[in-house]
């Protein structure tokens, strides 16, 4: 019997290429010894990245402190305005 609608499936192979890089393994081992952490899968060490992260964290902390100071200043301004308004009202009503 003929197969009119049959299409053969392509063959699949489970070929996984292997590559050994002794320099990369030495870098990873040294990094693990120095930092005590292993990089996540697919993440490679970038020189200066730790310093950039610390600098960004410091900048974010400074920005948060500035926002807090601005809120504190605006609250102080509001309290001062209310005290002046109450004093003016009391002075005018007397």
PDB file of N, CA and C in Angstrom:
ATOM      1  N   UNK A   1       0.843  -1.170   0.000  1.00  0.00           N
ATOM      2  CA  UNK A   1       0.000   0.000   0.000  1.00  0.00           C
ATOM      3  C   UNK A   1       0.891   1.236   0.000  1.00  0.00           C
ATOM      4  N   UNK A   2       0.530   2.188  -0.767  1.00  0.00           N
ATOM      5  CA  UNK A   2       1.327   3.406  -0.911  1.00  0.00           C
ATOM      6  C   UNK A   2       1.010   4.389   0.221  1.00  0.00           C
ATOM      7  N   UNK A   3       2.009   5.132   0.654  1.00  0.00           N
ATOM      8  CA  UNK A   3       1.817   6.152   1.686  1.00  0.00           C
ATOM      9  C   UNK A   3       1.850   7.519   1.000  1.00  0.00           C
ATOM     10  N   UNK A   4       0.687   8.089   0.807  1.00  0.00           N
ATOM     11  CA  UNK A   4       0.612   9.353   0.091  1.00  0.00           C
ATOM     12  C   UNK A   4       0.953  10.556   0.985  1.00  0.00           C
ATOM     13  N   UNK A   5       0.546  10.523   2.233  1.00  0.00           N
ATOM     14  CA  UNK A   5       0.727  11.669   3.108  1.00  0.00           C
ATOM     15  C   UNK A   5       1.833  11.462   4.143  1.00  0.00           C
ATOM     16  N   UNK A   6       2.711  10.542   3.891  1.00  0.00           N
ATOM     17  CA  UNK A   6       3.785  10.247   4.830  1.00  0.00           C
ATOM     18  C   UNK A   6       4.996  11.117   4.503  1.00  0.00           C
ATOM     19  N   UNK A   7       5.500  11.845   5.506  1.00  0.00           N
ATOM     20  CA  UNK A   7       6.751  12.590   5.329  1.00  0.00           C
ATOM     21  C   UNK A   7       7.711  12.101   6.409  1.00  0.00           C
ATOM     22  N   UNK A   8       8.858  11.629   6.045  1.00  0.00           N
ATOM     23  CA  UNK A   8       9.789  11.113   7.042  1.00  0.00           C
ATOM     24  C   UNK A   8      10.341  12.245   7.909  1.00  0.00           C
ATOM     25  N   UNK A   9      10.518  11.956   9.158  1.00  0.00           N
ATOM     26  CA  UNK A   9      11.061  12.949  10.094  1.00  0.00           C
ATOM     27  C   UNK A   9      12.587  12.950   9.956  1.00  0.00           C
ATOM     28  N   UNK A  10      13.175  14.139  10.131  1.00  0.00           N
ATOM     29  CA  UNK A  10      14.640  14.184  10.026  1.00  0.00           C
ATOM     30  C   UNK A  10      15.285  13.490  11.221  1.00  0.00           C
ATOM     31  N   UNK A  11      16.421  12.919  10.987  1.00  0.00           N
ATOM     32  CA  UNK A  11      17.138  12.251  12.061  1.00  0.00           C
ATOM     33  C   UNK A  11      17.747  13.288  13.006  1.00  0.00           C
ATOM     34  N   UNK A  12      17.755  12.967  14.263  1.00  0.00           N
ATOM     35  CA  UNK A  12      18.317  13.886  15.245  1.00  0.00           C
ATOM     36  C   UNK A  12      19.476  13.199  15.950  1.00  0.00           C
ATOM     37  N   UNK A  13      20.475  14.011  16.205  1.00  0.00           N
ATOM     38  CA  UNK A  13      21.648  13.503  16.888  1.00  0.00           C
ATOM     39  C   UNK A  13      21.803  14.253  18.193  1.00  0.00           C
ATOM     40  N   UNK A  14      22.338  13.605  19.181  1.00  0.00           N
ATOM     41  CA  UNK A  14      22.572  14.261  20.462  1.00  0.00           C
ATOM     42  C   UNK A  14      24.060  14.587  20.582  1.00  0.00           C
ATOM     43  N   UNK A  15      24.551  15.384  19.661  1.00  0.00           N
ATOM     44  CA  UNK A  15      25.958  15.752  19.648  1.00  0.00           C
ATOM     45  C   UNK A  15      26.155  16.990  20.513  1.00  0.00           C
ATOM     46  N   UNK A  16      27.016  16.878  21.518  1.00  0.00           N
ATOM     47  CA  UNK A  16      27.341  18.009  22.377  1.00  0.00           C
ATOM     48  C   UNK A  16      28.835  18.293  22.222  1.00  0.00           C
ATOM     49  N   UNK A  17      29.152  19.415  21.609  1.00  0.00           N
ATOM     50  CA  UNK A  17      30.582  19.698  21.420  1.00  0.00           C
ATOM     51  C   UNK A  17      31.260  19.965  22.757  1.00  0.00           C
ATOM     52  N   UNK A  18      32.478  19.544  22.878  1.00  0.00           N
ATOM     53  CA  UNK A  18      33.246  19.732  24.097  1.00  0.00           C
ATOM     54  C   UNK A  18      34.434  20.619  23.780  1.00  0.00           C
ATOM     55  N   UNK A  19      34.662  21.566  24.690  1.00  0.00           N
ATOM     56  CA  UNK A  19      35.805  22.458  24.516  1.00  0.00           C
ATOM     57  C   UNK A  19      36.430  22.674  25.879  1.00  0.00           C
ATOM     58  N   UNK A  20      37.706  22.497  25.953  1.00  0.00           N
ATOM     59  CA  UNK A  20      38.416  22.649  27.217  1.00  0.00           C
ATOM     60  C   UNK A  20      39.307  23.880  27.135  1.00  0.00           C
ATOM     61  N   UNK A  21      39.086  24.803  28.036  1.00  0.00           N
ATOM     62  CA  UNK A  21      39.894  26.021  28.085  1.00  0.00           C
ATOM     63  C   UNK A  21      40.580  26.068  29.451  1.00  0.00           C
ATOM     64  N   UNK A  22      41.848  25.679  29.513  1.00  0.00           N
ATOM     65  CA  UNK A  22      42.518  25.647  30.818  1.00  0.00           C
ATOM     66  C   UNK A  22      42.665  27.032  31.449  1.00  0.00           C
ATOM     67  N   UNK A  23      42.814  28.074  30.643  1.00  0.00           N
ATOM     68  CA  UNK A  23      42.950  29.430  31.188  1.00  0.00           C
ATOM     69  C   UNK A  23      41.654  29.867  31.872  1.00  0.00           C
ATOM     70  N   UNK A  24      40.512  29.558  31.236  1.00  0.00           N
ATOM     71  CA  UNK A  24      39.223  29.940  31.819  1.00  0.00           C
ATOM     72  C   UNK A  24      39.001  29.200  33.138  1.00  0.00           C
ATOM     73  N   UNK A  25      39.339  27.929  33.173  1.00  0.00           N
ATOM     74  CA  UNK A  25      39.176  27.171  34.406  1.00  0.00           C
ATOM     75  C   UNK A  25      40.083  27.707  35.511  1.00  0.00           C
ATOM     76  N   UNK A  26      41.298  28.112  35.153  1.00  0.00           N
ATOM     77  CA  UNK A  26      42.214  28.673  36.150  1.00  0.00           C
ATOM     78  C   UNK A  26      41.670  29.998  36.680  1.00  0.00           C
ATOM     79  N   UNK A  27      41.107  30.836  35.781  1.00  0.00           N
ATOM     80  CA  UNK A  27      40.519  32.113  36.207  1.00  0.00           C
ATOM     81  C   UNK A  27      39.357  31.881  37.165  1.00  0.00           C
ATOM     82  N   UNK A  28      38.488  30.938  36.796  1.00  0.00           N
ATOM     83  CA  UNK A  28      37.325  30.661  37.644  1.00  0.00           C
ATOM     84  C   UNK A  28      37.739  30.120  39.012  1.00  0.00           C
ATOM     85  N   UNK A  29      38.735  29.259  39.023  1.00  0.00           N
ATOM     86  CA  UNK A  29      39.201  28.698  40.283  1.00  0.00           C
ATOM     87  C   UNK A  29      39.810  29.795  41.155  1.00  0.00           C
ATOM     88  N   UNK A  30      40.617  30.662  40.557  1.00  0.00           N
ATOM     89  CA  UNK A  30      41.251  31.761  41.302  1.00  0.00           C
ATOM     90  C   UNK A  30      40.189  32.725  41.833  1.00  0.00           C
ATOM     91  N   UNK A  31      39.194  33.013  41.013  1.00  0.00           N
ATOM     92  CA  UNK A  31      38.115  33.913  41.428  1.00  0.00           C
ATOM     93  C   UNK A  31      37.341  33.316  42.600  1.00  0.00           C
ATOM     94  N   UNK A  32      37.098  32.029  42.514  1.00  0.00           N
ATOM     95  CA  UNK A  32      36.388  31.349  43.598  1.00  0.00           C
ATOM     96  C   UNK A  32      37.208  31.389  44.887  1.00  0.00           C
ATOM     97  N   UNK A  33      38.517  31.249  44.769  1.00  0.00           N
ATOM     98  CA  UNK A  33      39.370  31.308  45.946  1.00  0.00           C
ATOM     99  C   UNK A  33      39.372  32.706  46.557  1.00  0.00           C
ATOM    100  N   UNK A  34      39.438  33.731  45.704  1.00  0.00           N
ATOM    101  CA  UNK A  34      39.523  35.102  46.212  1.00  0.00           C
ATOM    102  C   UNK A  34      38.196  35.600  46.771  1.00  0.00           C
ATOM    103  N   UNK A  35      37.117  35.422  46.020  1.00  0.00           N
ATOM    104  CA  UNK A  35      35.822  35.976  46.419  1.00  0.00           C
ATOM    105  C   UNK A  35      34.996  35.008  47.244  1.00  0.00           C
ATOM    106  N   UNK A  36      35.282  33.733  47.129  1.00  0.00           N
ATOM    107  CA  UNK A  36      34.516  32.748  47.885  1.00  0.00           C
ATOM    108  C   UNK A  36      33.149  32.475  47.284  1.00  0.00           C
ATOM    109  N   UNK A  37      32.922  32.914  46.057  1.00  0.00           N
ATOM    110  CA  UNK A  37      31.632  32.666  45.399  1.00  0.00           C
ATOM    111  C   UNK A  37      31.879  32.113  44.012  1.00  0.00           C
ATOM    112  N   UNK A  38      30.916  31.361  43.573  1.00  0.00           N
ATOM    113  CA  UNK A  38      30.980  30.839  42.206  1.00  0.00           C
ATOM    114  C   UNK A  38      30.088  31.695  41.327  1.00  0.00           C
ATOM    115  N   UNK A  39      30.519  32.013  40.119  1.00  0.00           N
ATOM    116  CA  UNK A  39      29.660  32.799  39.239  1.00  0.00           C
ATOM    117  C   UNK A  39      28.457  31.983  38.799  1.00  0.00           C
ATOM    118  N   UNK A  40      27.354  32.651  38.526  1.00  0.00           N
ATOM    119  CA  UNK A  40      26.154  31.963  38.055  1.00  0.00           C
ATOM    120  C   UNK A  40      26.411  31.412  36.656  1.00  0.00           C
ATOM    121  N   UNK A  41      25.591  30.466  36.254  1.00  0.00           N
ATOM    122  CA  UNK A  41      25.763  29.870  34.929  1.00  0.00           C
ATOM    123  C   UNK A  41      25.636  30.947  33.854  1.00  0.00           C
ATOM    124  N   UNK A  42      26.589  30.979  32.959  1.00  0.00           N
ATOM    125  CA  UNK A  42      26.563  31.934  31.868  1.00  0.00           C
ATOM    126  C   UNK A  42      27.143  33.289  32.244  1.00  0.00           C
ATOM    127  N   UNK A  43      27.470  33.492  33.501  1.00  0.00           N
ATOM    128  CA  UNK A  43      28.022  34.767  33.946  1.00  0.00           C
ATOM    129  C   UNK A  43      29.524  34.633  34.054  1.00  0.00           C
ATOM    130  N   UNK A  44      30.215  35.534  33.429  1.00  0.00           N
ATOM    131  CA  UNK A  44      31.664  35.490  33.481  1.00  0.00           C
ATOM    132  C   UNK A  44      32.165  36.726  34.209  1.00  0.00           C
ATOM    133  N   UNK A  45      33.304  36.611  34.832  1.00  0.00           N
ATOM    134  CA  UNK A  45      33.879  37.719  35.582  1.00  0.00           C
ATOM    135  C   UNK A  45      34.271  38.848  34.627  1.00  0.00           C
ATOM    136  N   UNK A  46      33.885  40.051  34.990  1.00  0.00           N
ATOM    137  CA  UNK A  46      34.250  41.227  34.220  1.00  0.00           C
ATOM    138  C   UNK A  46      35.117  42.099  35.131  1.00  0.00           C
ATOM    139  N   UNK A  47      36.339  42.424  34.708  1.00  0.00           N
ATOM    140  CA  UNK A  47      37.204  43.232  35.568  1.00  0.00           C
ATOM    141  C   UNK A  47      36.557  44.580  35.897  1.00  0.00           C
ATOM    142  N   UNK A  48      36.600  44.965  37.152  1.00  0.00           N
ATOM    143  CA  UNK A  48      36.057  46.244  37.588  1.00  0.00           C
ATOM    144  C   UNK A  48      34.571  46.214  37.869  1.00  0.00           C
ATOM    145  N   UNK A  49      33.926  45.083  37.655  1.00  0.00           N
ATOM    146  CA  UNK A  49      32.479  45.000  37.845  1.00  0.00           C
ATOM    147  C   UNK A  49      32.108  45.178  39.311  1.00  0.00           C
ATOM    148  N   UNK A  50      32.899  44.616  40.214  1.00  0.00           N
ATOM    149  CA  UNK A  50      32.616  44.737  41.640  1.00  0.00           C
ATOM    150  C   UNK A  50      32.708  46.194  42.088  1.00  0.00           C
ATOM    151  N   UNK A  51      33.698  46.916  41.569  1.00  0.00           N
ATOM    152  CA  UNK A  51      33.828  48.338  41.907  1.00  0.00           C
ATOM    153  C   UNK A  51      32.660  49.142  41.369  1.00  0.00           C
ATOM    154  N   UNK A  52      32.224  48.821  40.140  1.00  0.00           N
ATOM    155  CA  UNK A  52      31.076  49.532  39.559  1.00  0.00           C
ATOM    156  C   UNK A  52      29.813  49.277  40.367  1.00  0.00           C
ATOM    157  N   UNK A  53      29.634  48.043  40.813  1.00  0.00           N
ATOM    158  CA  UNK A  53      28.454  47.734  41.622  1.00  0.00           C
ATOM    159  C   UNK A  53      28.463  48.518  42.926  1.00  0.00           C
ATOM    160  N   UNK A  54      29.633  48.578  43.578  1.00  0.00           N
ATOM    161  CA  UNK A  54      29.737  49.329  44.832  1.00  0.00           C
ATOM    162  C   UNK A  54      29.463  50.810  44.599  1.00  0.00           C
ATOM    163  N   UNK A  55      29.995  51.351  43.506  1.00  0.00           N
ATOM    164  CA  UNK A  55      29.778  52.763  43.192  1.00  0.00           C
ATOM    165  C   UNK A  55      28.301  53.037  42.926  1.00  0.00           C
ATOM    166  N   UNK A  56      27.650  52.144  42.187  1.00  0.00           N
ATOM    167  CA  UNK A  56      26.223  52.319  41.911  1.00  0.00           C
ATOM    168  C   UNK A  56      25.413  52.229  43.203  1.00  0.00           C
ATOM    169  N   UNK A  57      25.781  51.308  44.104  1.00  0.00           N
ATOM    170  CA  UNK A  57      25.078  51.178  45.370  1.00  0.00           C
ATOM    171  C   UNK A  57      25.240  52.441  46.202  1.00  0.00           C
ATOM    172  N   UNK A  58      26.463  53.007  46.201  1.00  0.00           N
ATOM    173  CA  UNK A  58      26.709  54.235  46.942  1.00  0.00           C
ATOM    174  C   UNK A  58      25.888  55.390  46.359  1.00  0.00           C
ATOM    175  N   UNK A  59      25.808  55.455  45.027  1.00  0.00           N
ATOM    176  CA  UNK A  59      25.016  56.508  44.391  1.00  0.00           C
ATOM    177  C   UNK A  59      23.538  56.362  44.728  1.00  0.00           C
ATOM    178  N   UNK A  60      23.045  55.126  44.754  1.00  0.00           N
ATOM    179  CA  UNK A  60      21.643  54.898  45.097  1.00  0.00           C
ATOM    180  C   UNK A  60      21.377  55.271  46.549  1.00  0.00           C
ATOM    181  N   UNK A  61      22.327  54.956  47.443  1.00  0.00           N
ATOM    182  CA  UNK A  61      22.172  55.325  48.847  1.00  0.00           C
ATOM    183  C   UNK A  61      22.169  56.842  49.010  1.00  0.00           C
ATOM    184  N   UNK A  62      23.054  57.530  48.262  1.00  0.00           N
ATOM    185  CA  UNK A  62      23.093  58.986  48.325  1.00  0.00           C
ATOM    186  C   UNK A  62      21.792  59.595  47.820  1.00  0.00           C
ATOM    187  N   UNK A  63      21.233  59.021  46.756  1.00  0.00           N
ATOM    188  CA  UNK A  63      19.970  59.522  46.210  1.00  0.00           C
ATOM    189  C   UNK A  63      18.838  59.314  47.217  1.00  0.00           C
ATOM    190  N   UNK A  64      18.842  58.169  47.890  1.00  0.00           N
ATOM    191  CA  UNK A  64      17.809  57.914  48.897  1.00  0.00           C
ATOM    192  C   UNK A  64      17.946  58.897  50.062  1.00  0.00           C
ATOM    193  N   UNK A  65      19.178  59.198  50.463  1.00  0.00           N
ATOM    194  CA  UNK A  65      19.400  60.156  51.544  1.00  0.00           C
ATOM    195  C   UNK A  65      18.938  61.551  51.118  1.00  0.00           C
ATOM    196  N   UNK A  66      19.173  61.910  49.874  1.00  0.00           N
ATOM    197  CA  UNK A  66      18.740  63.220  49.381  1.00  0.00           C
ATOM    198  C   UNK A  66      17.217  63.311  49.373  1.00  0.00           C
ATOM    199  N   UNK A  67      16.544  62.217  48.969  1.00  0.00           N
ATOM    200  CA  UNK A  67      15.073  62.230  48.979  1.00  0.00           C
ATOM    201  C   UNK A  67      14.555  62.376  50.408  1.00  0.00           C
ATOM    202  N   UNK A  68      15.191  61.687  51.345  1.00  0.00           N
ATOM    203  CA  UNK A  68      14.778  61.775  52.745  1.00  0.00           C
ATOM    204  C   UNK A  68      14.974  63.196  53.268  1.00  0.00           C
ATOM    205  N   UNK A  69      16.090  63.806  52.920  1.00  0.00           N
ATOM    206  CA  UNK A  69      16.376  65.171  53.362  1.00  0.00           C
ATOM    207  C   UNK A  69      15.372  66.146  52.760  1.00  0.00           C
ATOM    208  N   UNK A  70      15.011  65.926  51.508  1.00  0.00           N
ATOM    209  CA  UNK A  70      14.048  66.804  50.847  1.00  0.00           C
ATOM    210  C   UNK A  70      12.675  66.679  51.513  1.00  0.00           C
ATOM    211  N   UNK A  71      12.267  65.449  51.833  1.00  0.00           N
ATOM    212  CA  UNK A  71      10.989  65.253  52.524  1.00  0.00           C
ATOM    213  C   UNK A  71      11.005  65.932  53.884  1.00  0.00           C
ATOM    214  N   UNK A  72      12.116  65.792  54.607  1.00  0.00           N
ATOM    215  CA  UNK A  72      12.244  66.394  55.928  1.00  0.00           C
ATOM    216  C   UNK A  72      12.170  67.916  55.817  1.00  0.00           C
ATOM    217  N   UNK A  73      12.815  68.478  54.806  1.00  0.00           N
ATOM    218  CA  UNK A  73      12.795  69.922  54.599  1.00  0.00           C
ATOM    219  C   UNK A  73      11.408  70.428  54.259  1.00  0.00           C
ATOM    220  N   UNK A  74      10.678  69.692  53.430  1.00  0.00           N
ATOM    221  CA  UNK A  74       9.333  70.128  53.064  1.00  0.00           C
ATOM    222  C   UNK A  74       8.384  70.021  54.255  1.00  0.00           C
ATOM    223  N   UNK A  75       8.570  69.016  55.107  1.00  0.00           N
ATOM    224  CA  UNK A  75       7.748  68.894  56.311  1.00  0.00           C
ATOM    225  C   UNK A  75       8.035  70.049  57.260  1.00  0.00           C
ATOM    226  N   UNK A  76       9.297  70.420  57.404  1.00  0.00           N
ATOM    227  CA  UNK A  76       9.676  71.543  58.260  1.00  0.00           C
ATOM    228  C   UNK A  76       9.085  72.847  57.719  1.00  0.00           C
ATOM    229  N   UNK A  77       9.091  73.012  56.413  1.00  0.00           N
ATOM    230  CA  UNK A  77       8.508  74.200  55.790  1.00  0.00           C
ATOM    231  C   UNK A  77       7.005  74.257  56.051  1.00  0.00           C
ATOM    232  N   UNK A  78       6.328  73.136  55.959  1.00  0.00           N
ATOM    233  CA  UNK A  78       4.886  73.086  56.207  1.00  0.00           C
ATOM    234  C   UNK A  78       4.571  73.435  57.657  1.00  0.00           C
ATOM    235  N   UNK A  79       5.340  72.905  58.590  1.00  0.00           N
ATOM    236  CA  UNK A  79       5.120  73.208  60.013  1.00  0.00           C
ATOM    237  C   UNK A  79       5.354  74.692  60.281  1.00  0.00           C
ATOM    238  N   UNK A  80       6.417  75.244  59.698  1.00  0.00           N
ATOM    239  CA  UNK A  80       6.708  76.673  59.868  1.00  0.00           C
ATOM    240  C   UNK A  80       5.567  77.519  59.309  1.00  0.00           C
ATOM    241  N   UNK A  81       5.071  77.161  58.145  1.00  0.00           N
ATOM    242  CA  UNK A  81       3.964  77.898  57.525  1.00  0.00           C
ATOM    243  C   UNK A  81       2.721  77.848  58.411  1.00  0.00           C
ATOM    244  N   UNK A  82       2.410  76.678  58.972  1.00  0.00           N
ATOM    245  CA  UNK A  82       1.239  76.556  59.843  1.00  0.00           C
ATOM    246  C   UNK A  82       1.387  77.382  61.113  1.00  0.00           C
ATOM    247  N   UNK A  83       2.598  77.400  61.705  1.00  0.00           N
ATOM    248  CA  UNK A  83       2.835  78.188  62.919  1.00  0.00           C
ATOM    249  C   UNK A  83       2.658  79.670  62.618  1.00  0.00           C
ATOM    250  N   UNK A  84       3.189  80.124  61.489  1.00  0.00           N
ATOM    251  CA  UNK A  84       3.043  81.536  61.103  1.00  0.00           C
ATOM    252  C   UNK A  84       1.585  81.855  60.838  1.00  0.00           C
ATOM    253  N   UNK A  85       0.868  80.968  60.201  1.00  0.00           N
ATOM    254  CA  UNK A  85      -0.541  81.188  59.907  1.00  0.00           C
ATOM    255  C   UNK A  85      -1.368  81.266  61.186  1.00  0.00           C
ATOM    256  N   UNK A  86      -1.100  80.365  62.124  1.00  0.00           N
ATOM    257  CA  UNK A  86      -1.821  80.400  63.418  1.00  0.00           C
ATOM    258  C   UNK A  86      -1.482  81.670  64.185  1.00  0.00           C
ATOM    259  N   UNK A  87      -0.209  82.062  64.181  1.00  0.00           N
ATOM    260  CA  UNK A  87       0.196  83.291  64.895  1.00  0.00           C
ATOM    261  C   UNK A  87      -0.479  84.504  64.265  1.00  0.00           C
ATOM    262  N   UNK A  88      -0.558  84.546  62.948  1.00  0.00           N
ATOM    263  CA  UNK A  88      -1.218  85.672  62.278  1.00  0.00           C
ATOM    264  C   UNK A  88      -2.708  85.674  62.606  1.00  0.00           C
ATOM    265  N   UNK A  89      -3.332  84.518  62.634  1.00  0.00           N
ATOM    266  CA  UNK A  89      -4.754  84.439  62.960  1.00  0.00           C
ATOM    267  C   UNK A  89      -5.007  84.903  64.400  1.00  0.00           C
ATOM    268  N   UNK A  90      -4.165  84.459  65.328  1.00  0.00           N
ATOM    269  CA  UNK A  90      -4.315  84.884  66.715  1.00  0.00           C
ATOM    270  C   UNK A  90      -4.070  86.394  66.880  1.00  0.00           C
ATOM    271  N   UNK A  91      -3.123  86.931  66.171  1.00  0.00           N
ATOM    272  CA  UNK A  91      -2.815  88.364  66.253  1.00  0.00           C
ATOM    273  C   UNK A  91      -3.954  89.200  65.684  1.00  0.00           C
ATOM    274  N   UNK A  92      -4.553  88.741  64.585  1.00  0.00           N
ATOM    275  CA  UNK A  92      -5.644  89.487  63.955  1.00  0.00           C
ATOM    276  C   UNK A  92      -6.931  89.373  64.770  1.00  0.00           C
ATOM    277  N   UNK A  93      -7.143  88.247  65.471  1.00  0.00           N
ATOM    278  CA  UNK A  93      -8.389  88.071  66.232  1.00  0.00           C
ATOM    279  C   UNK A  93      -8.338  88.788  67.578  1.00  0.00           C
ATOM    280  N   UNK A  94      -7.192  89.194  68.027  1.00  0.00           N
ATOM    281  CA  UNK A  94      -7.112  89.847  69.334  1.00  0.00           C
ATOM    282  C   UNK A  94      -7.419  91.315  69.281  1.00  0.00           C
TER     283      UNK A  94
END
